[in-house]
């Protein structure tokens, strides 16, 4: 029998569209409900949540992970309280942990990693062409894993005379955006699409990157592909996976385009320009060159 808490969780989740967001929120609430002695989210009190935070800390969960789980819990209880399902909000006085400057930083993979990832992926087989196109699109556009999984054939536009594009129809926040493809990504994607119909025994999906069974790939299968390729390069660190390629793309785009944050925002789909600051990594050389451009330093 479905409990009242499960019905309310389902109602709350209807306001979200991203499969990845839904999966994470469900997991966060499940973890908290399993931790509670009663298992009943609707009976949790402020002290229960504070004890849960302490327990996560004692288990050495990263501060980012603790904050993400707490943010989910706060969002759910705020919704319950605002919609009169609870008399009191147990998270009202609980705040997320403050991150230090070092904890906020995103250490990007070196741009040479992108080149090496593609160089070790041979394209003399259909499987190779698929893997190469997946990696090239992730590295060359910075799209999210679930956005790549959700790509359909109708979302791809490739022309000999016009700009090739991919359309993200269900990005974060359910925002549609159109991303132009550079020549390299256009070519690798076209190479894969030319052999796509021969990959599975029977095509059962209009997904761009179908599996051997002809179905849409899962986010986990894409993660495993990226992890295995990174491992071939000797990169097997915890936390380095698909999203790291998004950071790599953003940092590389900034380096090549003098911190064009407006253009980067249009490509990556970030809601706020301020959130893109984590991708800027000025080098001493570039900083020096920028200083030399100042009028006060010229002709001296």
C-alpha atoms as a PDB file:
ATOM      1  CA  UNK A   1       0.000   0.000   0.000  1.00  0.00           C
ATOM      2  CA  UNK A   2       1.259   3.470  -0.900  1.00  0.00           C
ATOM      3  CA  UNK A   3       1.808   5.643   2.160  1.00  0.00           C
ATOM      4  CA  UNK A   4       0.717   9.258   2.486  1.00  0.00           C
ATOM      5  CA  UNK A   5       4.372  10.348   2.443  1.00  0.00           C
ATOM      6  CA  UNK A   6       4.967   8.488  -0.852  1.00  0.00           C
ATOM      7  CA  UNK A   7       1.916  10.147  -2.413  1.00  0.00           C
ATOM      8  CA  UNK A   8       3.141  13.578  -1.334  1.00  0.00           C
ATOM      9  CA  UNK A   9       6.648  12.887  -2.653  1.00  0.00           C
ATOM     10  CA  UNK A  10       5.122  11.925  -6.010  1.00  0.00           C
ATOM     11  CA  UNK A  11       3.090  15.153  -6.055  1.00  0.00           C
ATOM     12  CA  UNK A  12       6.167  17.235  -5.228  1.00  0.00           C
ATOM     13  CA  UNK A  13       8.271  15.570  -7.916  1.00  0.00           C
ATOM     14  CA  UNK A  14       5.731  16.418 -10.634  1.00  0.00           C
ATOM     15  CA  UNK A  15       7.095  19.961 -10.696  1.00  0.00           C
ATOM     16  CA  UNK A  16      10.472  18.690 -11.950  1.00  0.00           C
ATOM     17  CA  UNK A  17      11.222  17.446 -15.455  1.00  0.00           C
ATOM     18  CA  UNK A  18      14.885  16.463 -15.579  1.00  0.00           C
ATOM     19  CA  UNK A  19      15.289  12.662 -15.189  1.00  0.00           C
ATOM     20  CA  UNK A  20      18.585  13.226 -13.411  1.00  0.00           C
ATOM     21  CA  UNK A  21      17.019  15.687 -10.946  1.00  0.00           C
ATOM     22  CA  UNK A  22      14.136  13.300 -10.232  1.00  0.00           C
ATOM     23  CA  UNK A  23      16.517  10.407  -9.651  1.00  0.00           C
ATOM     24  CA  UNK A  24      18.707  12.418  -7.255  1.00  0.00           C
ATOM     25  CA  UNK A  25      15.764  13.831  -5.282  1.00  0.00           C
ATOM     26  CA  UNK A  26      14.199  10.387  -4.914  1.00  0.00           C
ATOM     27  CA  UNK A  27      17.513   8.927  -3.726  1.00  0.00           C
ATOM     28  CA  UNK A  28      18.084  11.752  -1.218  1.00  0.00           C
ATOM     29  CA  UNK A  29      14.628  11.377   0.335  1.00  0.00           C
ATOM     30  CA  UNK A  30      14.926   7.589   0.361  1.00  0.00           C
ATOM     31  CA  UNK A  31      18.264   7.778   2.196  1.00  0.00           C
ATOM     32  CA  UNK A  32      16.794  10.101   4.809  1.00  0.00           C
ATOM     33  CA  UNK A  33      13.651   7.987   5.292  1.00  0.00           C
ATOM     34  CA  UNK A  34      15.785   4.851   5.734  1.00  0.00           C
ATOM     35  CA  UNK A  35      17.888   6.643   8.335  1.00  0.00           C
ATOM     36  CA  UNK A  36      14.842   7.718  10.351  1.00  0.00           C
ATOM     37  CA  UNK A  37      13.890   5.177  13.016  1.00  0.00           C
ATOM     38  CA  UNK A  38      10.214   5.556  12.135  1.00  0.00           C
ATOM     39  CA  UNK A  39      10.823   5.653   8.393  1.00  0.00           C
ATOM     40  CA  UNK A  40       8.087   8.299   8.229  1.00  0.00           C
ATOM     41  CA  UNK A  41       9.199  11.572   6.643  1.00  0.00           C
ATOM     42  CA  UNK A  42       6.047  13.333   7.820  1.00  0.00           C
ATOM     43  CA  UNK A  43       6.895  12.748  11.489  1.00  0.00           C
ATOM     44  CA  UNK A  44      10.486  14.063  11.295  1.00  0.00           C
ATOM     45  CA  UNK A  45      11.402  16.925  13.593  1.00  0.00           C
ATOM     46  CA  UNK A  46      14.138  19.559  13.457  1.00  0.00           C
ATOM     47  CA  UNK A  47      16.380  17.556  15.802  1.00  0.00           C
ATOM     48  CA  UNK A  48      16.045  14.476  13.585  1.00  0.00           C
ATOM     49  CA  UNK A  49      17.380  16.418  10.623  1.00  0.00           C
ATOM     50  CA  UNK A  50      20.224  17.910  12.669  1.00  0.00           C
ATOM     51  CA  UNK A  51      21.145  14.403  13.862  1.00  0.00           C
ATOM     52  CA  UNK A  52      21.067  13.186  10.264  1.00  0.00           C
ATOM     53  CA  UNK A  53      23.537  15.919   9.292  1.00  0.00           C
ATOM     54  CA  UNK A  54      25.822  14.870  12.163  1.00  0.00           C
ATOM     55  CA  UNK A  55      25.587  11.243  11.085  1.00  0.00           C
ATOM     56  CA  UNK A  56      26.586  12.120   7.511  1.00  0.00           C
ATOM     57  CA  UNK A  57      29.516  14.080   8.906  1.00  0.00           C
ATOM     58  CA  UNK A  58      30.609  11.134  11.057  1.00  0.00           C
ATOM     59  CA  UNK A  59      30.482   8.895   7.986  1.00  0.00           C
ATOM     60  CA  UNK A  60      32.860  11.320   6.257  1.00  0.00           C
ATOM     61  CA  UNK A  61      30.457  12.231   3.466  1.00  0.00           C
ATOM     62  CA  UNK A  62      31.781  15.209   1.515  1.00  0.00           C
ATOM     63  CA  UNK A  63      30.396  18.610   2.462  1.00  0.00           C
ATOM     64  CA  UNK A  64      29.001  19.017  -1.062  1.00  0.00           C
ATOM     65  CA  UNK A  65      27.131  15.710  -0.700  1.00  0.00           C
ATOM     66  CA  UNK A  66      25.779  16.689   2.712  1.00  0.00           C
ATOM     67  CA  UNK A  67      24.616  20.040   1.340  1.00  0.00           C
ATOM     68  CA  UNK A  68      22.969  18.451  -1.672  1.00  0.00           C
ATOM     69  CA  UNK A  69      21.029  15.994   0.459  1.00  0.00           C
ATOM     70  CA  UNK A  70      20.025  18.719   2.895  1.00  0.00           C
ATOM     71  CA  UNK A  71      18.938  21.003   0.043  1.00  0.00           C
ATOM     72  CA  UNK A  72      16.622  18.253  -1.220  1.00  0.00           C
ATOM     73  CA  UNK A  73      15.175  17.707   2.260  1.00  0.00           C
ATOM     74  CA  UNK A  74      14.655  21.456   2.779  1.00  0.00           C
ATOM     75  CA  UNK A  75      12.981  21.823  -0.613  1.00  0.00           C
ATOM     76  CA  UNK A  76      10.578  18.960   0.116  1.00  0.00           C
ATOM     77  CA  UNK A  77       9.621  20.200   3.582  1.00  0.00           C
ATOM     78  CA  UNK A  78       9.229  23.782   2.324  1.00  0.00           C
ATOM     79  CA  UNK A  79       6.772  22.461  -0.266  1.00  0.00           C
ATOM     80  CA  UNK A  80       4.889  20.427   2.368  1.00  0.00           C
ATOM     81  CA  UNK A  81       4.595  23.458   4.647  1.00  0.00           C
ATOM     82  CA  UNK A  82       3.642  25.910   1.887  1.00  0.00           C
ATOM     83  CA  UNK A  83       0.907  23.542   0.687  1.00  0.00           C
ATOM     84  CA  UNK A  84      -0.454  23.031   4.226  1.00  0.00           C
ATOM     85  CA  UNK A  85       0.532  19.365   4.507  1.00  0.00           C
ATOM     86  CA  UNK A  86       2.540  20.135   7.664  1.00  0.00           C
ATOM     87  CA  UNK A  87       1.767  22.508  10.512  1.00  0.00           C
ATOM     88  CA  UNK A  88       5.451  23.308  11.103  1.00  0.00           C
ATOM     89  CA  UNK A  89       8.496  23.269   8.836  1.00  0.00           C
ATOM     90  CA  UNK A  90      11.273  21.255  10.569  1.00  0.00           C
ATOM     91  CA  UNK A  91      13.950  22.670   8.253  1.00  0.00           C
ATOM     92  CA  UNK A  92      13.097  26.352   8.692  1.00  0.00           C
ATOM     93  CA  UNK A  93      16.042  27.103  11.016  1.00  0.00           C
ATOM     94  CA  UNK A  94      18.525  24.722   9.385  1.00  0.00           C
ATOM     95  CA  UNK A  95      21.107  26.204   7.020  1.00  0.00           C
ATOM     96  CA  UNK A  96      23.403  24.636   4.463  1.00  0.00           C
ATOM     97  CA  UNK A  97      27.062  24.380   5.449  1.00  0.00           C
ATOM     98  CA  UNK A  98      29.289  27.175   4.192  1.00  0.00           C
ATOM     99  CA  UNK A  99      31.867  26.070   1.626  1.00  0.00           C
ATOM    100  CA  UNK A 100      35.396  27.447   1.757  1.00  0.00           C
ATOM    101  CA  UNK A 101      36.895  29.046  -1.359  1.00  0.00           C
ATOM    102  CA  UNK A 102      38.914  25.876  -1.971  1.00  0.00           C
ATOM    103  CA  UNK A 103      35.804  23.704  -1.695  1.00  0.00           C
ATOM    104  CA  UNK A 104      33.980  25.896  -4.214  1.00  0.00           C
ATOM    105  CA  UNK A 105      36.700  25.507  -6.813  1.00  0.00           C
ATOM    106  CA  UNK A 106      36.306  23.096  -9.692  1.00  0.00           C
ATOM    107  CA  UNK A 107      39.613  21.635 -10.762  1.00  0.00           C
ATOM    108  CA  UNK A 108      39.189  20.980 -14.481  1.00  0.00           C
ATOM    109  CA  UNK A 109      40.765  18.158 -16.394  1.00  0.00           C
ATOM    110  CA  UNK A 110      43.571  19.364 -18.642  1.00  0.00           C
ATOM    111  CA  UNK A 111      42.492  20.109 -22.215  1.00  0.00           C
ATOM    112  CA  UNK A 112      45.015  17.542 -23.367  1.00  0.00           C
ATOM    113  CA  UNK A 113      42.794  14.919 -21.738  1.00  0.00           C
ATOM    114  CA  UNK A 114      40.115  15.690 -24.339  1.00  0.00           C
ATOM    115  CA  UNK A 115      42.575  15.188 -27.170  1.00  0.00           C
ATOM    116  CA  UNK A 116      43.867  11.951 -25.636  1.00  0.00           C
ATOM    117  CA  UNK A 117      40.371  10.612 -24.972  1.00  0.00           C
ATOM    118  CA  UNK A 118      39.511  10.963 -28.634  1.00  0.00           C
ATOM    119  CA  UNK A 119      42.866   9.662 -29.859  1.00  0.00           C
ATOM    120  CA  UNK A 120      42.494   6.362 -27.958  1.00  0.00           C
ATOM    121  CA  UNK A 121      38.962   5.848 -29.305  1.00  0.00           C
ATOM    122  CA  UNK A 122      39.329   4.088 -32.641  1.00  0.00           C
ATOM    123  CA  UNK A 123      36.615   4.567 -35.251  1.00  0.00           C
ATOM    124  CA  UNK A 124      37.248   1.525 -37.452  1.00  0.00           C
ATOM    125  CA  UNK A 125      34.153  -0.218 -35.993  1.00  0.00           C
ATOM    126  CA  UNK A 126      30.534   0.861 -35.523  1.00  0.00           C
ATOM    127  CA  UNK A 127      30.985   0.632 -31.759  1.00  0.00           C
ATOM    128  CA  UNK A 128      34.037   2.850 -32.046  1.00  0.00           C
ATOM    129  CA  UNK A 129      32.205   5.440 -34.143  1.00  0.00           C
ATOM    130  CA  UNK A 130      29.433   5.557 -31.534  1.00  0.00           C
ATOM    131  CA  UNK A 131      31.838   5.948 -28.605  1.00  0.00           C
ATOM    132  CA  UNK A 132      33.850   8.593 -30.458  1.00  0.00           C
ATOM    133  CA  UNK A 133      30.738  10.629 -31.326  1.00  0.00           C
ATOM    134  CA  UNK A 134      29.482  10.458 -27.726  1.00  0.00           C
ATOM    135  CA  UNK A 135      32.797  11.661 -26.322  1.00  0.00           C
ATOM    136  CA  UNK A 136      33.174  14.326 -29.011  1.00  0.00           C
ATOM    137  CA  UNK A 137      29.700  15.757 -28.359  1.00  0.00           C
ATOM    138  CA  UNK A 138      30.266  15.818 -24.592  1.00  0.00           C
ATOM    139  CA  UNK A 139      33.683  17.447 -24.978  1.00  0.00           C
ATOM    140  CA  UNK A 140      32.719  19.785 -27.815  1.00  0.00           C
ATOM    141  CA  UNK A 141      29.388  21.089 -26.515  1.00  0.00           C
ATOM    142  CA  UNK A 142      29.484  20.630 -22.735  1.00  0.00           C
ATOM    143  CA  UNK A 143      25.984  19.147 -22.623  1.00  0.00           C
ATOM    144  CA  UNK A 144      24.926  17.199 -19.558  1.00  0.00           C
ATOM    145  CA  UNK A 145      24.820  13.412 -19.482  1.00  0.00           C
ATOM    146  CA  UNK A 146      21.013  13.251 -19.321  1.00  0.00           C
ATOM    147  CA  UNK A 147      20.763  15.769 -22.161  1.00  0.00           C
ATOM    148  CA  UNK A 148      22.891  13.512 -24.351  1.00  0.00           C
ATOM    149  CA  UNK A 149      20.782  10.492 -23.395  1.00  0.00           C
ATOM    150  CA  UNK A 150      17.628  12.440 -24.300  1.00  0.00           C
ATOM    151  CA  UNK A 151      18.779  13.475 -27.789  1.00  0.00           C
ATOM    152  CA  UNK A 152      16.454  12.279 -30.569  1.00  0.00           C
ATOM    153  CA  UNK A 153      17.052  12.199 -34.304  1.00  0.00           C
ATOM    154  CA  UNK A 154      14.740  15.196 -34.780  1.00  0.00           C
ATOM    155  CA  UNK A 155      17.062  17.203 -32.533  1.00  0.00           C
ATOM    156  CA  UNK A 156      19.978  16.908 -34.975  1.00  0.00           C
ATOM    157  CA  UNK A 157      20.383  19.272 -37.909  1.00  0.00           C
ATOM    158  CA  UNK A 158      23.298  18.690 -40.242  1.00  0.00           C
ATOM    159  CA  UNK A 159      23.652  20.614 -43.491  1.00  0.00           C
ATOM    160  CA  UNK A 160      26.496  21.030 -45.962  1.00  0.00           C
ATOM    161  CA  UNK A 161      25.872  24.748 -46.326  1.00  0.00           C
ATOM    162  CA  UNK A 162      24.350  25.860 -43.011  1.00  0.00           C
ATOM    163  CA  UNK A 163      25.397  25.706 -39.380  1.00  0.00           C
ATOM    164  CA  UNK A 164      24.907  22.235 -37.899  1.00  0.00           C
ATOM    165  CA  UNK A 165      23.053  22.204 -34.567  1.00  0.00           C
ATOM    166  CA  UNK A 166      21.702  20.025 -31.805  1.00  0.00           C
ATOM    167  CA  UNK A 167      18.559  21.014 -29.905  1.00  0.00           C
ATOM    168  CA  UNK A 168      18.260  20.310 -26.196  1.00  0.00           C
ATOM    169  CA  UNK A 169      14.540  20.078 -25.505  1.00  0.00           C
ATOM    170  CA  UNK A 170      14.623  18.992 -21.862  1.00  0.00           C
ATOM    171  CA  UNK A 171      17.574  20.712 -20.267  1.00  0.00           C
ATOM    172  CA  UNK A 172      17.845  21.668 -16.616  1.00  0.00           C
ATOM    173  CA  UNK A 173      14.786  23.702 -15.724  1.00  0.00           C
ATOM    174  CA  UNK A 174      13.060  22.292 -18.827  1.00  0.00           C
ATOM    175  CA  UNK A 175      14.621  25.023 -20.974  1.00  0.00           C
ATOM    176  CA  UNK A 176      15.026  24.532 -24.715  1.00  0.00           C
ATOM    177  CA  UNK A 177      18.298  25.642 -26.301  1.00  0.00           C
ATOM    178  CA  UNK A 178      19.979  25.230 -29.678  1.00  0.00           C
ATOM    179  CA  UNK A 179      23.722  24.549 -29.745  1.00  0.00           C
ATOM    180  CA  UNK A 180      25.851  25.017 -32.884  1.00  0.00           C
ATOM    181  CA  UNK A 181      28.338  22.288 -33.712  1.00  0.00           C
ATOM    182  CA  UNK A 182      31.944  22.896 -34.687  1.00  0.00           C
ATOM    183  CA  UNK A 183      33.192  21.091 -37.773  1.00  0.00           C
ATOM    184  CA  UNK A 184      34.819  18.288 -35.782  1.00  0.00           C
ATOM    185  CA  UNK A 185      31.631  17.402 -33.870  1.00  0.00           C
ATOM    186  CA  UNK A 186      29.558  17.718 -37.023  1.00  0.00           C
ATOM    187  CA  UNK A 187      31.812  15.189 -38.749  1.00  0.00           C
ATOM    188  CA  UNK A 188      31.930  12.633 -35.928  1.00  0.00           C
ATOM    189  CA  UNK A 189      28.165  12.823 -35.424  1.00  0.00           C
ATOM    190  CA  UNK A 190      27.530  12.413 -39.158  1.00  0.00           C
ATOM    191  CA  UNK A 191      29.874   9.398 -39.226  1.00  0.00           C
ATOM    192  CA  UNK A 192      27.888   7.743 -36.435  1.00  0.00           C
ATOM    193  CA  UNK A 193      24.479   8.539 -37.942  1.00  0.00           C
ATOM    194  CA  UNK A 194      25.612   6.999 -41.240  1.00  0.00           C
ATOM    195  CA  UNK A 195      26.045   3.599 -39.534  1.00  0.00           C
ATOM    196  CA  UNK A 196      23.498   3.921 -36.716  1.00  0.00           C
ATOM    197  CA  UNK A 197      20.904   1.678 -38.357  1.00  0.00           C
ATOM    198  CA  UNK A 198      23.417  -1.177 -38.588  1.00  0.00           C
ATOM    199  CA  UNK A 199      24.370  -1.093 -34.886  1.00  0.00           C
ATOM    200  CA  UNK A 200      21.482  -3.005 -33.277  1.00  0.00           C
ATOM    201  CA  UNK A 201      19.541  -5.994 -34.468  1.00  0.00           C
ATOM    202  CA  UNK A 202      16.328  -3.978 -34.358  1.00  0.00           C
ATOM    203  CA  UNK A 203      15.877  -0.251 -33.742  1.00  0.00           C
ATOM    204  CA  UNK A 204      13.316   0.376 -31.007  1.00  0.00           C
ATOM    205  CA  UNK A 205      13.981   4.043 -30.257  1.00  0.00           C
ATOM    206  CA  UNK A 206      14.496   7.355 -32.053  1.00  0.00           C
ATOM    207  CA  UNK A 207      17.347   8.152 -29.652  1.00  0.00           C
ATOM    208  CA  UNK A 208      20.499   9.349 -31.398  1.00  0.00           C
ATOM    209  CA  UNK A 209      22.854   7.054 -29.478  1.00  0.00           C
ATOM    210  CA  UNK A 210      20.934   3.781 -29.373  1.00  0.00           C
ATOM    211  CA  UNK A 211      22.278   0.697 -27.611  1.00  0.00           C
ATOM    212  CA  UNK A 212      22.995  -2.754 -29.029  1.00  0.00           C
ATOM    213  CA  UNK A 213      19.388  -3.609 -28.188  1.00  0.00           C
ATOM    214  CA  UNK A 214      18.162  -0.663 -30.227  1.00  0.00           C
ATOM    215  CA  UNK A 215      16.955   1.165 -27.114  1.00  0.00           C
ATOM    216  CA  UNK A 216      17.746   4.526 -25.562  1.00  0.00           C
ATOM    217  CA  UNK A 217      20.942   4.435 -23.460  1.00  0.00           C
ATOM    218  CA  UNK A 218      20.847   5.062 -19.735  1.00  0.00           C
ATOM    219  CA  UNK A 219      22.809   7.763 -17.977  1.00  0.00           C
ATOM    220  CA  UNK A 220      24.703   5.027 -16.159  1.00  0.00           C
ATOM    221  CA  UNK A 221      25.849   3.419 -19.418  1.00  0.00           C
ATOM    222  CA  UNK A 222      27.248   6.762 -20.586  1.00  0.00           C
ATOM    223  CA  UNK A 223      28.989   7.204 -17.234  1.00  0.00           C
ATOM    224  CA  UNK A 224      30.562   3.764 -17.550  1.00  0.00           C
ATOM    225  CA  UNK A 225      31.792   4.557 -21.070  1.00  0.00           C
ATOM    226  CA  UNK A 226      33.463   7.783 -19.946  1.00  0.00           C
ATOM    227  CA  UNK A 227      34.934   6.190 -16.810  1.00  0.00           C
ATOM    228  CA  UNK A 228      36.417   3.314 -18.811  1.00  0.00           C
ATOM    229  CA  UNK A 229      38.029   5.703 -21.308  1.00  0.00           C
ATOM    230  CA  UNK A 230      39.428   7.910 -18.545  1.00  0.00           C
ATOM    231  CA  UNK A 231      40.780   4.804 -16.859  1.00  0.00           C
ATOM    232  CA  UNK A 232      42.660   3.941 -20.059  1.00  0.00           C
ATOM    233  CA  UNK A 233      44.442   7.265 -19.609  1.00  0.00           C
ATOM    234  CA  UNK A 234      45.291   6.407 -16.019  1.00  0.00           C
ATOM    235  CA  UNK A 235      42.617   8.730 -14.598  1.00  0.00           C
ATOM    236  CA  UNK A 236      40.641   6.812 -12.000  1.00  0.00           C
ATOM    237  CA  UNK A 237      40.012   9.416  -9.319  1.00  0.00           C
ATOM    238  CA  UNK A 238      36.807   9.479  -7.326  1.00  0.00           C
ATOM    239  CA  UNK A 239      34.447  12.174  -8.582  1.00  0.00           C
ATOM    240  CA  UNK A 240      35.981  12.401 -12.059  1.00  0.00           C
ATOM    241  CA  UNK A 241      33.333  11.358 -14.592  1.00  0.00           C
ATOM    242  CA  UNK A 242      30.932  12.721 -17.220  1.00  0.00           C
ATOM    243  CA  UNK A 243      30.339  16.073 -15.515  1.00  0.00           C
ATOM    244  CA  UNK A 244      34.097  16.607 -15.457  1.00  0.00           C
ATOM    245  CA  UNK A 245      33.980  16.743 -19.266  1.00  0.00           C
ATOM    246  CA  UNK A 246      31.447  19.566 -18.988  1.00  0.00           C
ATOM    247  CA  UNK A 247      33.874  21.470 -16.759  1.00  0.00           C
ATOM    248  CA  UNK A 248      36.679  20.727 -19.207  1.00  0.00           C
ATOM    249  CA  UNK A 249      34.624  22.108 -22.099  1.00  0.00           C
ATOM    250  CA  UNK A 250      33.671  25.260 -20.207  1.00  0.00           C
ATOM    251  CA  UNK A 251      37.248  25.969 -19.136  1.00  0.00           C
ATOM    252  CA  UNK A 252      38.572  25.331 -22.650  1.00  0.00           C
ATOM    253  CA  UNK A 253      35.885  27.587 -24.176  1.00  0.00           C
ATOM    254  CA  UNK A 254      36.836  30.377 -21.777  1.00  0.00           C
ATOM    255  CA  UNK A 255      40.519  29.979 -22.555  1.00  0.00           C
ATOM    256  CA  UNK A 256      39.876  30.172 -26.306  1.00  0.00           C
ATOM    257  CA  UNK A 257      37.348  33.004 -26.191  1.00  0.00           C
ATOM    258  CA  UNK A 258      38.622  35.473 -23.580  1.00  0.00           C
ATOM    259  CA  UNK A 259      35.982  34.550 -20.989  1.00  0.00           C
ATOM    260  CA  UNK A 260      32.938  34.959 -23.247  1.00  0.00           C
ATOM    261  CA  UNK A 261      30.541  34.121 -20.427  1.00  0.00           C
ATOM    262  CA  UNK A 262      27.443  35.174 -22.386  1.00  0.00           C
ATOM    263  CA  UNK A 263      28.271  32.725 -25.172  1.00  0.00           C
ATOM    264  CA  UNK A 264      29.125  30.018 -22.652  1.00  0.00           C
ATOM    265  CA  UNK A 265      25.826  30.587 -20.864  1.00  0.00           C
ATOM    266  CA  UNK A 266      23.912  30.122 -24.134  1.00  0.00           C
ATOM    267  CA  UNK A 267      25.736  26.856 -24.856  1.00  0.00           C
ATOM    268  CA  UNK A 268      25.682  25.279 -21.400  1.00  0.00           C
ATOM    269  CA  UNK A 269      22.244  26.469 -20.333  1.00  0.00           C
ATOM    270  CA  UNK A 270      23.274  27.942 -16.971  1.00  0.00           C
ATOM    271  CA  UNK A 271      20.548  30.134 -15.526  1.00  0.00           C
ATOM    272  CA  UNK A 272      22.909  32.780 -14.116  1.00  0.00           C
ATOM    273  CA  UNK A 273      26.156  34.258 -15.394  1.00  0.00           C
ATOM    274  CA  UNK A 274      27.483  34.340 -11.832  1.00  0.00           C
ATOM    275  CA  UNK A 275      27.529  30.540 -11.677  1.00  0.00           C
ATOM    276  CA  UNK A 276      29.995  30.411 -14.572  1.00  0.00           C
ATOM    277  CA  UNK A 277      32.777  31.992 -12.547  1.00  0.00           C
ATOM    278  CA  UNK A 278      33.915  28.542 -11.349  1.00  0.00           C
ATOM    279  CA  UNK A 279      34.994  27.742 -14.898  1.00  0.00           C
ATOM    280  CA  UNK A 280      37.400  30.649 -15.268  1.00  0.00           C
ATOM    281  CA  UNK A 281      41.011  29.744 -14.602  1.00  0.00           C
ATOM    282  CA  UNK A 282      43.304  32.597 -15.702  1.00  0.00           C
ATOM    283  CA  UNK A 283      46.964  31.654 -16.073  1.00  0.00           C
ATOM    284  CA  UNK A 284      49.858  33.842 -14.966  1.00  0.00           C
ATOM    285  CA  UNK A 285      50.851  34.267 -18.608  1.00  0.00           C
ATOM    286  CA  UNK A 286      47.393  35.468 -19.651  1.00  0.00           C
ATOM    287  CA  UNK A 287      47.101  37.731 -16.628  1.00  0.00           C
ATOM    288  CA  UNK A 288      50.466  39.271 -17.498  1.00  0.00           C
ATOM    289  CA  UNK A 289      49.392  39.791 -21.119  1.00  0.00           C
ATOM    290  CA  UNK A 290      46.206  41.494 -19.933  1.00  0.00           C
ATOM    291  CA  UNK A 291      48.237  43.797 -17.677  1.00  0.00           C
ATOM    292  CA  UNK A 292      50.503  44.697 -20.589  1.00  0.00           C
ATOM    293  CA  UNK A 293      47.428  45.822 -22.571  1.00  0.00           C
ATOM    294  CA  UNK A 294      46.665  48.555 -20.035  1.00  0.00           C
ATOM    295  CA  UNK A 295      47.444  52.030 -21.315  1.00  0.00           C
ATOM    296  CA  UNK A 296      49.520  52.800 -18.248  1.00  0.00           C
ATOM    297  CA  UNK A 297      51.877  49.940 -19.111  1.00  0.00           C
ATOM    298  CA  UNK A 298      52.238  50.632 -22.852  1.00  0.00           C
ATOM    299  CA  UNK A 299      55.185  52.426 -24.459  1.00  0.00           C
ATOM    300  CA  UNK A 300      57.364  52.304 -21.341  1.00  0.00           C
END
